[in-house]
């Protein structure tokens, strides 16, 4: 998988890991049926948690699309992944979007939600602490899934994402569906891949709808804004403090 995506994922997860404890990580592959096809997703299973585990659903960017899972689980790369995740005592669900598809496609939505249902059931996870995070194409996916399932997630993290709606009023309908679900958006002011106006307009729409939103924009930073997300020490504690009523 790309070094940049792994940096983004580790940035989202690592900030609060030391405060939460340590355990032996395990990344496992699972399959789920959706739209008449079989999809592989990966699941980080924490070795030890205090009570039912929270679950972070992480949506990758466009270059990680494919089949079979995108996190390495063997060899040197697999050892690095396992060693890192050993510090993350929360469950992490890693679905993979098929090549040529987007997270907003109905079958991808079905695949993610069914993968989450299976993971929650398997882990006996804390359903009040299900979190949705995504980077780039995955950031767009955050808003698509949150809009389709407005009462499912306790908090949202969108990194250099934007509205999945392509025509008409693109932001207000999303904000109205998301409501007061806590959200933290990140964007680089010099992003030439996904313009920062995508996040700015989403923030404005969420604020107008009475939403619970934070926004961090970084001058001089382009699409690799995850290098700044790495430095946000409050992100993980903030995320894991959120609970769905």
C-alpha atoms as a PDB file:
ATOM      1  CA  UNK A   1       0.000   0.000   0.000  1.00  0.00           C
ATOM      2  CA  UNK A   2       1.143   3.595  -0.402  1.00  0.00           C
ATOM      3  CA  UNK A   3       3.362   5.123   2.254  1.00  0.00           C
ATOM      4  CA  UNK A   4       1.174   8.239   2.222  1.00  0.00           C
ATOM      5  CA  UNK A   5      -2.010   6.317   2.989  1.00  0.00           C
ATOM      6  CA  UNK A   6      -0.343   4.403   5.787  1.00  0.00           C
ATOM      7  CA  UNK A   7       0.859   7.723   7.226  1.00  0.00           C
ATOM      8  CA  UNK A   8      -2.698   9.026   7.071  1.00  0.00           C
ATOM      9  CA  UNK A   9      -4.106   5.969   8.794  1.00  0.00           C
ATOM     10  CA  UNK A  10      -1.432   5.931  11.467  1.00  0.00           C
ATOM     11  CA  UNK A  11      -1.945   9.657  12.032  1.00  0.00           C
ATOM     12  CA  UNK A  12      -5.641   9.189  12.677  1.00  0.00           C
ATOM     13  CA  UNK A  13      -4.974   6.305  15.055  1.00  0.00           C
ATOM     14  CA  UNK A  14      -1.738   7.036  16.861  1.00  0.00           C
ATOM     15  CA  UNK A  15      -2.341  10.267  18.746  1.00  0.00           C
ATOM     16  CA  UNK A  16      -4.111   8.650  21.660  1.00  0.00           C
ATOM     17  CA  UNK A  17      -2.676   5.143  21.475  1.00  0.00           C
ATOM     18  CA  UNK A  18      -0.140   5.489  24.286  1.00  0.00           C
ATOM     19  CA  UNK A  19      -2.812   6.620  26.700  1.00  0.00           C
ATOM     20  CA  UNK A  20      -5.017   3.675  25.846  1.00  0.00           C
ATOM     21  CA  UNK A  21      -2.572   0.835  26.485  1.00  0.00           C
ATOM     22  CA  UNK A  22      -0.785  -1.820  24.484  1.00  0.00           C
ATOM     23  CA  UNK A  23      -1.512  -5.309  23.208  1.00  0.00           C
ATOM     24  CA  UNK A  24      -0.564  -7.699  20.491  1.00  0.00           C
ATOM     25  CA  UNK A  25      -2.150  -6.588  17.231  1.00  0.00           C
ATOM     26  CA  UNK A  26      -3.718  -8.833  14.698  1.00  0.00           C
ATOM     27  CA  UNK A  27      -4.879  -7.867  11.214  1.00  0.00           C
ATOM     28  CA  UNK A  28      -7.296 -10.454   9.891  1.00  0.00           C
ATOM     29  CA  UNK A  29      -9.060 -10.837   6.568  1.00  0.00           C
ATOM     30  CA  UNK A  30     -12.784 -11.397   6.303  1.00  0.00           C
ATOM     31  CA  UNK A  31     -15.263 -11.659   3.439  1.00  0.00           C
ATOM     32  CA  UNK A  32     -18.754 -10.279   3.067  1.00  0.00           C
ATOM     33  CA  UNK A  33     -21.435 -10.555   0.381  1.00  0.00           C
ATOM     34  CA  UNK A  34     -22.875  -7.417  -1.188  1.00  0.00           C
ATOM     35  CA  UNK A  35     -24.631  -6.825  -4.496  1.00  0.00           C
ATOM     36  CA  UNK A  36     -24.251 -10.464  -5.462  1.00  0.00           C
ATOM     37  CA  UNK A  37     -20.460 -10.422  -5.113  1.00  0.00           C
ATOM     38  CA  UNK A  38     -17.915 -11.299  -2.430  1.00  0.00           C
ATOM     39  CA  UNK A  39     -15.626  -8.629  -0.974  1.00  0.00           C
ATOM     40  CA  UNK A  40     -12.592  -8.895   1.266  1.00  0.00           C
ATOM     41  CA  UNK A  41     -12.200  -6.524   4.163  1.00  0.00           C
ATOM     42  CA  UNK A  42      -9.531  -6.365   6.838  1.00  0.00           C
ATOM     43  CA  UNK A  43     -10.035  -6.058  10.555  1.00  0.00           C
ATOM     44  CA  UNK A  44      -7.578  -5.034  13.243  1.00  0.00           C
ATOM     45  CA  UNK A  45      -8.586  -7.018  16.316  1.00  0.00           C
ATOM     46  CA  UNK A  46      -7.255  -5.483  19.534  1.00  0.00           C
ATOM     47  CA  UNK A  47      -5.711  -7.955  21.957  1.00  0.00           C
ATOM     48  CA  UNK A  48      -7.134  -6.260  25.024  1.00  0.00           C
ATOM     49  CA  UNK A  49      -9.693  -3.571  25.710  1.00  0.00           C
ATOM     50  CA  UNK A  50     -11.500  -2.333  28.771  1.00  0.00           C
ATOM     51  CA  UNK A  51     -15.043  -3.413  28.031  1.00  0.00           C
ATOM     52  CA  UNK A  52     -16.595  -3.607  24.546  1.00  0.00           C
ATOM     53  CA  UNK A  53     -14.246  -2.249  21.896  1.00  0.00           C
ATOM     54  CA  UNK A  54     -15.011   0.888  19.891  1.00  0.00           C
ATOM     55  CA  UNK A  55     -14.651   0.516  16.107  1.00  0.00           C
ATOM     56  CA  UNK A  56     -13.082   2.946  13.645  1.00  0.00           C
ATOM     57  CA  UNK A  57     -14.123   2.449  10.019  1.00  0.00           C
ATOM     58  CA  UNK A  58     -11.314   3.787   7.810  1.00  0.00           C
ATOM     59  CA  UNK A  59     -12.036   4.596   4.144  1.00  0.00           C
ATOM     60  CA  UNK A  60      -8.947   4.743   1.926  1.00  0.00           C
ATOM     61  CA  UNK A  61      -8.185   6.970  -1.058  1.00  0.00           C
ATOM     62  CA  UNK A  62      -8.490   6.322  -4.772  1.00  0.00           C
ATOM     63  CA  UNK A  63      -5.087   4.672  -5.340  1.00  0.00           C
ATOM     64  CA  UNK A  64      -5.842   1.854  -2.890  1.00  0.00           C
ATOM     65  CA  UNK A  65      -8.871   0.579  -4.795  1.00  0.00           C
ATOM     66  CA  UNK A  66      -8.750  -3.099  -5.696  1.00  0.00           C
ATOM     67  CA  UNK A  67      -9.575  -6.488  -4.203  1.00  0.00           C
ATOM     68  CA  UNK A  68      -8.134  -8.767  -1.555  1.00  0.00           C
ATOM     69  CA  UNK A  69      -7.297  -6.134   1.068  1.00  0.00           C
ATOM     70  CA  UNK A  70      -4.658  -3.396   0.968  1.00  0.00           C
ATOM     71  CA  UNK A  71      -2.793  -3.716   4.276  1.00  0.00           C
ATOM     72  CA  UNK A  72       0.200  -6.074   4.112  1.00  0.00           C
ATOM     73  CA  UNK A  73      -0.062  -8.921   6.632  1.00  0.00           C
ATOM     74  CA  UNK A  74       3.141 -10.881   5.947  1.00  0.00           C
ATOM     75  CA  UNK A  75       6.857 -10.271   5.453  1.00  0.00           C
ATOM     76  CA  UNK A  76       8.657  -7.132   6.560  1.00  0.00           C
ATOM     77  CA  UNK A  77       5.791  -4.807   5.658  1.00  0.00           C
ATOM     78  CA  UNK A  78       3.352  -6.969   7.585  1.00  0.00           C
ATOM     79  CA  UNK A  79       5.644  -6.867  10.621  1.00  0.00           C
ATOM     80  CA  UNK A  80       5.684  -3.054  10.501  1.00  0.00           C
ATOM     81  CA  UNK A  81       1.895  -2.908  10.297  1.00  0.00           C
ATOM     82  CA  UNK A  82       1.473  -5.408  13.117  1.00  0.00           C
ATOM     83  CA  UNK A  83       4.010  -3.652  15.299  1.00  0.00           C
ATOM     84  CA  UNK A  84       2.280  -0.333  14.872  1.00  0.00           C
ATOM     85  CA  UNK A  85      -1.237  -1.631  15.449  1.00  0.00           C
ATOM     86  CA  UNK A  86      -0.059  -3.334  18.642  1.00  0.00           C
ATOM     87  CA  UNK A  87      -0.307   0.156  20.168  1.00  0.00           C
ATOM     88  CA  UNK A  88      -3.909   0.674  19.054  1.00  0.00           C
ATOM     89  CA  UNK A  89      -6.353  -1.111  21.366  1.00  0.00           C
ATOM     90  CA  UNK A  90      -9.418  -0.215  19.319  1.00  0.00           C
ATOM     91  CA  UNK A  91     -10.902  -2.246  16.493  1.00  0.00           C
ATOM     92  CA  UNK A  92     -10.212  -0.852  13.026  1.00  0.00           C
ATOM     93  CA  UNK A  93     -12.322  -1.928  10.056  1.00  0.00           C
ATOM     94  CA  UNK A  94     -10.556  -1.533   6.676  1.00  0.00           C
ATOM     95  CA  UNK A  95     -12.898  -2.137   3.744  1.00  0.00           C
ATOM     96  CA  UNK A  96     -11.554  -1.905   0.197  1.00  0.00           C
ATOM     97  CA  UNK A  97     -13.338  -0.109  -2.613  1.00  0.00           C
ATOM     98  CA  UNK A  98     -13.308  -1.978  -5.925  1.00  0.00           C
ATOM     99  CA  UNK A  99     -11.379  -0.583  -8.880  1.00  0.00           C
ATOM    100  CA  UNK A 100     -13.550   1.792 -10.901  1.00  0.00           C
ATOM    101  CA  UNK A 101     -15.953   2.286  -7.989  1.00  0.00           C
ATOM    102  CA  UNK A 102     -16.455   4.977  -5.378  1.00  0.00           C
ATOM    103  CA  UNK A 103     -17.562   4.826  -1.752  1.00  0.00           C
ATOM    104  CA  UNK A 104     -20.813   6.556  -2.724  1.00  0.00           C
ATOM    105  CA  UNK A 105     -21.792   3.720  -5.079  1.00  0.00           C
ATOM    106  CA  UNK A 106     -24.754   1.828  -3.569  1.00  0.00           C
ATOM    107  CA  UNK A 107     -22.977  -1.537  -3.601  1.00  0.00           C
ATOM    108  CA  UNK A 108     -19.910  -0.049  -1.869  1.00  0.00           C
ATOM    109  CA  UNK A 109     -22.188   1.468   0.759  1.00  0.00           C
ATOM    110  CA  UNK A 110     -23.806  -1.946   1.228  1.00  0.00           C
ATOM    111  CA  UNK A 111     -20.401  -3.636   1.457  1.00  0.00           C
ATOM    112  CA  UNK A 112     -19.153  -1.238   4.143  1.00  0.00           C
ATOM    113  CA  UNK A 113     -22.306  -1.375   6.238  1.00  0.00           C
ATOM    114  CA  UNK A 114     -22.467  -5.177   6.087  1.00  0.00           C
ATOM    115  CA  UNK A 115     -18.774  -5.420   6.978  1.00  0.00           C
ATOM    116  CA  UNK A 116     -19.424  -3.178   9.957  1.00  0.00           C
ATOM    117  CA  UNK A 117     -22.450  -5.220  11.038  1.00  0.00           C
ATOM    118  CA  UNK A 118     -20.402  -8.419  10.892  1.00  0.00           C
ATOM    119  CA  UNK A 119     -17.498  -6.857  12.779  1.00  0.00           C
ATOM    120  CA  UNK A 120     -19.702  -5.463  15.532  1.00  0.00           C
ATOM    121  CA  UNK A 121     -21.347  -8.852  15.944  1.00  0.00           C
ATOM    122  CA  UNK A 122     -18.041 -10.757  15.947  1.00  0.00           C
ATOM    123  CA  UNK A 123     -16.278  -8.446  18.398  1.00  0.00           C
ATOM    124  CA  UNK A 124     -19.327  -7.644  20.499  1.00  0.00           C
ATOM    125  CA  UNK A 125     -18.253  -4.069  19.932  1.00  0.00           C
ATOM    126  CA  UNK A 126     -19.601  -0.947  21.591  1.00  0.00           C
ATOM    127  CA  UNK A 127     -22.324   0.217  19.196  1.00  0.00           C
ATOM    128  CA  UNK A 128     -22.391   3.623  20.839  1.00  0.00           C
ATOM    129  CA  UNK A 129     -18.761   4.178  19.772  1.00  0.00           C
ATOM    130  CA  UNK A 130     -18.600   3.504  16.038  1.00  0.00           C
ATOM    131  CA  UNK A 131     -16.480   6.078  14.220  1.00  0.00           C
ATOM    132  CA  UNK A 132     -16.071   6.873  10.519  1.00  0.00           C
ATOM    133  CA  UNK A 133     -12.859   8.332   9.083  1.00  0.00           C
ATOM    134  CA  UNK A 134     -11.558   8.733   5.544  1.00  0.00           C
ATOM    135  CA  UNK A 135      -8.861  10.358   3.427  1.00  0.00           C
ATOM    136  CA  UNK A 136      -9.311  12.019   0.012  1.00  0.00           C
ATOM    137  CA  UNK A 137     -11.790   9.762  -1.857  1.00  0.00           C
ATOM    138  CA  UNK A 138     -12.399   8.250   1.571  1.00  0.00           C
ATOM    139  CA  UNK A 139     -13.151  11.729   2.907  1.00  0.00           C
ATOM    140  CA  UNK A 140     -15.912  12.031   0.321  1.00  0.00           C
ATOM    141  CA  UNK A 141     -17.022   8.578   1.422  1.00  0.00           C
ATOM    142  CA  UNK A 142     -17.349   9.745   5.019  1.00  0.00           C
ATOM    143  CA  UNK A 143     -20.061  12.224   4.008  1.00  0.00           C
ATOM    144  CA  UNK A 144     -21.775   9.749   1.712  1.00  0.00           C
ATOM    145  CA  UNK A 145     -22.085   7.052   4.379  1.00  0.00           C
ATOM    146  CA  UNK A 146     -22.917   9.533   7.127  1.00  0.00           C
ATOM    147  CA  UNK A 147     -25.706  10.977   5.009  1.00  0.00           C
ATOM    148  CA  UNK A 148     -27.120   7.538   4.199  1.00  0.00           C
ATOM    149  CA  UNK A 149     -26.800   6.308   7.806  1.00  0.00           C
ATOM    150  CA  UNK A 150     -27.195   9.456   9.916  1.00  0.00           C
ATOM    151  CA  UNK A 151     -27.695   7.756  13.276  1.00  0.00           C
ATOM    152  CA  UNK A 152     -25.023   5.077  12.910  1.00  0.00           C
ATOM    153  CA  UNK A 153     -21.775   6.834  13.788  1.00  0.00           C
ATOM    154  CA  UNK A 154     -20.712   8.619  16.962  1.00  0.00           C
ATOM    155  CA  UNK A 155     -18.224  10.905  15.186  1.00  0.00           C
ATOM    156  CA  UNK A 156     -16.784  11.651  11.750  1.00  0.00           C
ATOM    157  CA  UNK A 157     -13.268  12.545  10.553  1.00  0.00           C
ATOM    158  CA  UNK A 158     -12.830  13.793   6.974  1.00  0.00           C
ATOM    159  CA  UNK A 159      -9.296  14.434   5.706  1.00  0.00           C
ATOM    160  CA  UNK A 160      -9.121  16.406   2.419  1.00  0.00           C
ATOM    161  CA  UNK A 161     -12.609  15.219   1.448  1.00  0.00           C
ATOM    162  CA  UNK A 162     -15.749  16.856   0.101  1.00  0.00           C
ATOM    163  CA  UNK A 163     -19.403  16.501  -0.742  1.00  0.00           C
ATOM    164  CA  UNK A 164     -20.392  13.318  -2.613  1.00  0.00           C
ATOM    165  CA  UNK A 165     -23.245  15.202  -4.309  1.00  0.00           C
ATOM    166  CA  UNK A 166     -22.355  16.251  -7.836  1.00  0.00           C
ATOM    167  CA  UNK A 167     -25.191  18.604  -8.814  1.00  0.00           C
ATOM    168  CA  UNK A 168     -27.572  21.124  -7.294  1.00  0.00           C
ATOM    169  CA  UNK A 169     -27.183  22.087  -3.638  1.00  0.00           C
ATOM    170  CA  UNK A 170     -24.198  19.951  -2.706  1.00  0.00           C
ATOM    171  CA  UNK A 171     -23.614  20.709   0.978  1.00  0.00           C
ATOM    172  CA  UNK A 172     -26.860  21.651   2.735  1.00  0.00           C
ATOM    173  CA  UNK A 173     -28.528  18.232   2.209  1.00  0.00           C
ATOM    174  CA  UNK A 174     -25.476  16.476   3.650  1.00  0.00           C
ATOM    175  CA  UNK A 175     -25.329  18.774   6.670  1.00  0.00           C
ATOM    176  CA  UNK A 176     -29.036  18.366   7.364  1.00  0.00           C
ATOM    177  CA  UNK A 177     -28.698  14.573   7.334  1.00  0.00           C
ATOM    178  CA  UNK A 178     -25.552  14.549   9.464  1.00  0.00           C
ATOM    179  CA  UNK A 179     -27.160  16.873  12.010  1.00  0.00           C
ATOM    180  CA  UNK A 180     -25.254  17.199  15.264  1.00  0.00           C
ATOM    181  CA  UNK A 181     -22.991  14.189  14.794  1.00  0.00           C
ATOM    182  CA  UNK A 182     -19.564  15.495  15.909  1.00  0.00           C
ATOM    183  CA  UNK A 183     -17.250  16.031  12.937  1.00  0.00           C
ATOM    184  CA  UNK A 184     -13.634  17.144  12.531  1.00  0.00           C
ATOM    185  CA  UNK A 185     -12.480  18.153   9.056  1.00  0.00           C
ATOM    186  CA  UNK A 186      -8.888  18.642   7.869  1.00  0.00           C
ATOM    187  CA  UNK A 187      -7.637  20.250   4.661  1.00  0.00           C
ATOM    188  CA  UNK A 188      -4.515  21.795   3.182  1.00  0.00           C
ATOM    189  CA  UNK A 189      -4.995  25.356   1.976  1.00  0.00           C
ATOM    190  CA  UNK A 190      -2.882  24.647  -1.132  1.00  0.00           C
ATOM    191  CA  UNK A 191      -4.539  21.342  -2.070  1.00  0.00           C
ATOM    192  CA  UNK A 192      -4.650  21.088  -5.887  1.00  0.00           C
ATOM    193  CA  UNK A 193      -6.310  17.645  -5.932  1.00  0.00           C
ATOM    194  CA  UNK A 194      -9.319  18.348  -3.733  1.00  0.00           C
ATOM    195  CA  UNK A 195      -9.841  22.116  -3.330  1.00  0.00           C
ATOM    196  CA  UNK A 196     -10.172  23.327   0.259  1.00  0.00           C
ATOM    197  CA  UNK A 197     -13.473  24.949  -0.718  1.00  0.00           C
ATOM    198  CA  UNK A 198     -14.959  21.446  -0.416  1.00  0.00           C
ATOM    199  CA  UNK A 199     -14.250  21.315   3.300  1.00  0.00           C
ATOM    200  CA  UNK A 200     -14.929  25.023   3.855  1.00  0.00           C
ATOM    201  CA  UNK A 201     -18.390  24.768   2.325  1.00  0.00           C
ATOM    202  CA  UNK A 202     -19.158  21.610   4.278  1.00  0.00           C
ATOM    203  CA  UNK A 203     -18.155  23.332   7.514  1.00  0.00           C
ATOM    204  CA  UNK A 204     -20.327  26.346   6.668  1.00  0.00           C
ATOM    205  CA  UNK A 205     -23.301  24.091   5.913  1.00  0.00           C
ATOM    206  CA  UNK A 206     -22.827  22.119   9.123  1.00  0.00           C
ATOM    207  CA  UNK A 207     -22.594  25.310  11.186  1.00  0.00           C
ATOM    208  CA  UNK A 208     -25.730  26.697   9.514  1.00  0.00           C
ATOM    209  CA  UNK A 209     -27.541  23.461  10.367  1.00  0.00           C
ATOM    210  CA  UNK A 210     -26.516  23.706  14.028  1.00  0.00           C
ATOM    211  CA  UNK A 211     -23.891  20.986  13.686  1.00  0.00           C
ATOM    212  CA  UNK A 212     -21.067  20.073  16.041  1.00  0.00           C
ATOM    213  CA  UNK A 213     -18.038  20.697  13.844  1.00  0.00           C
ATOM    214  CA  UNK A 214     -14.307  21.411  14.074  1.00  0.00           C
ATOM    215  CA  UNK A 215     -12.124  22.490  11.174  1.00  0.00           C
ATOM    216  CA  UNK A 216      -8.346  22.536  10.782  1.00  0.00           C
ATOM    217  CA  UNK A 217      -6.882  24.096   7.619  1.00  0.00           C
ATOM    218  CA  UNK A 218      -3.135  24.375   7.110  1.00  0.00           C
ATOM    219  CA  UNK A 219      -1.503  27.191   5.069  1.00  0.00           C
ATOM    220  CA  UNK A 220       1.144  26.060   2.602  1.00  0.00           C
ATOM    221  CA  UNK A 221       0.032  22.412   2.719  1.00  0.00           C
ATOM    222  CA  UNK A 222      -1.263  20.505  -0.291  1.00  0.00           C
ATOM    223  CA  UNK A 223      -3.067  17.202  -0.618  1.00  0.00           C
ATOM    224  CA  UNK A 224      -0.696  15.480   1.815  1.00  0.00           C
ATOM    225  CA  UNK A 225      -2.413  17.199   4.726  1.00  0.00           C
ATOM    226  CA  UNK A 226      -2.159  13.937   6.698  1.00  0.00           C
ATOM    227  CA  UNK A 227       1.353  15.020   7.650  1.00  0.00           C
ATOM    228  CA  UNK A 228      -0.383  17.650   9.779  1.00  0.00           C
ATOM    229  CA  UNK A 229      -3.057  15.268  10.998  1.00  0.00           C
ATOM    230  CA  UNK A 230      -0.156  13.270  12.469  1.00  0.00           C
ATOM    231  CA  UNK A 231       0.604  16.209  14.734  1.00  0.00           C
ATOM    232  CA  UNK A 232      -2.949  16.636  16.032  1.00  0.00           C
ATOM    233  CA  UNK A 233      -2.465  15.071  19.442  1.00  0.00           C
ATOM    234  CA  UNK A 234      -6.057  15.799  20.453  1.00  0.00           C
ATOM    235  CA  UNK A 235      -7.659  13.971  17.541  1.00  0.00           C
ATOM    236  CA  UNK A 236      -7.712  10.465  18.951  1.00  0.00           C
ATOM    237  CA  UNK A 237      -8.768  11.463  22.482  1.00  0.00           C
ATOM    238  CA  UNK A 238     -11.491  13.672  20.973  1.00  0.00           C
ATOM    239  CA  UNK A 239     -12.672  10.878  18.701  1.00  0.00           C
ATOM    240  CA  UNK A 240     -12.831   8.205  21.371  1.00  0.00           C
ATOM    241  CA  UNK A 241     -14.635  10.514  23.793  1.00  0.00           C
ATOM    242  CA  UNK A 242     -17.640  10.702  21.484  1.00  0.00           C
ATOM    243  CA  UNK A 243     -20.609   8.436  22.126  1.00  0.00           C
ATOM    244  CA  UNK A 244     -23.822   8.055  20.189  1.00  0.00           C
ATOM    245  CA  UNK A 245     -26.868   8.775  22.328  1.00  0.00           C
END
